[in-house]
Amino acid sequence: MKTKQRLSDLRAMSGDQLQDELLKLKKEQFNLRFQRATGQLENVARVREVRRDIARIKSTAAEKLAAAGKA
């Protein structure tokens, strides 16, 4: 998915939805790390994508928190 489209999707999510998505990605990241350690990881680029998606979600959540604090 394109980054801009992904970012707009994340900004449309509520705080709870962002937390659920973050939890899902962290589980996936753990599984990918485990696969890499055992030599079973086939798509090594997915590790990078997941790491960046996690950062994107955390940034969006921080933006929403800051906006709520100002309001």
Foldseek 3Di string as FASTA:
>chain_A
DDPVVLLVVLLPDDLVVLVVVLVVLVVVLVVQVVCVVVVNHDPPVVNVVSVVVNVSSVVSSVVVVVVVVVD
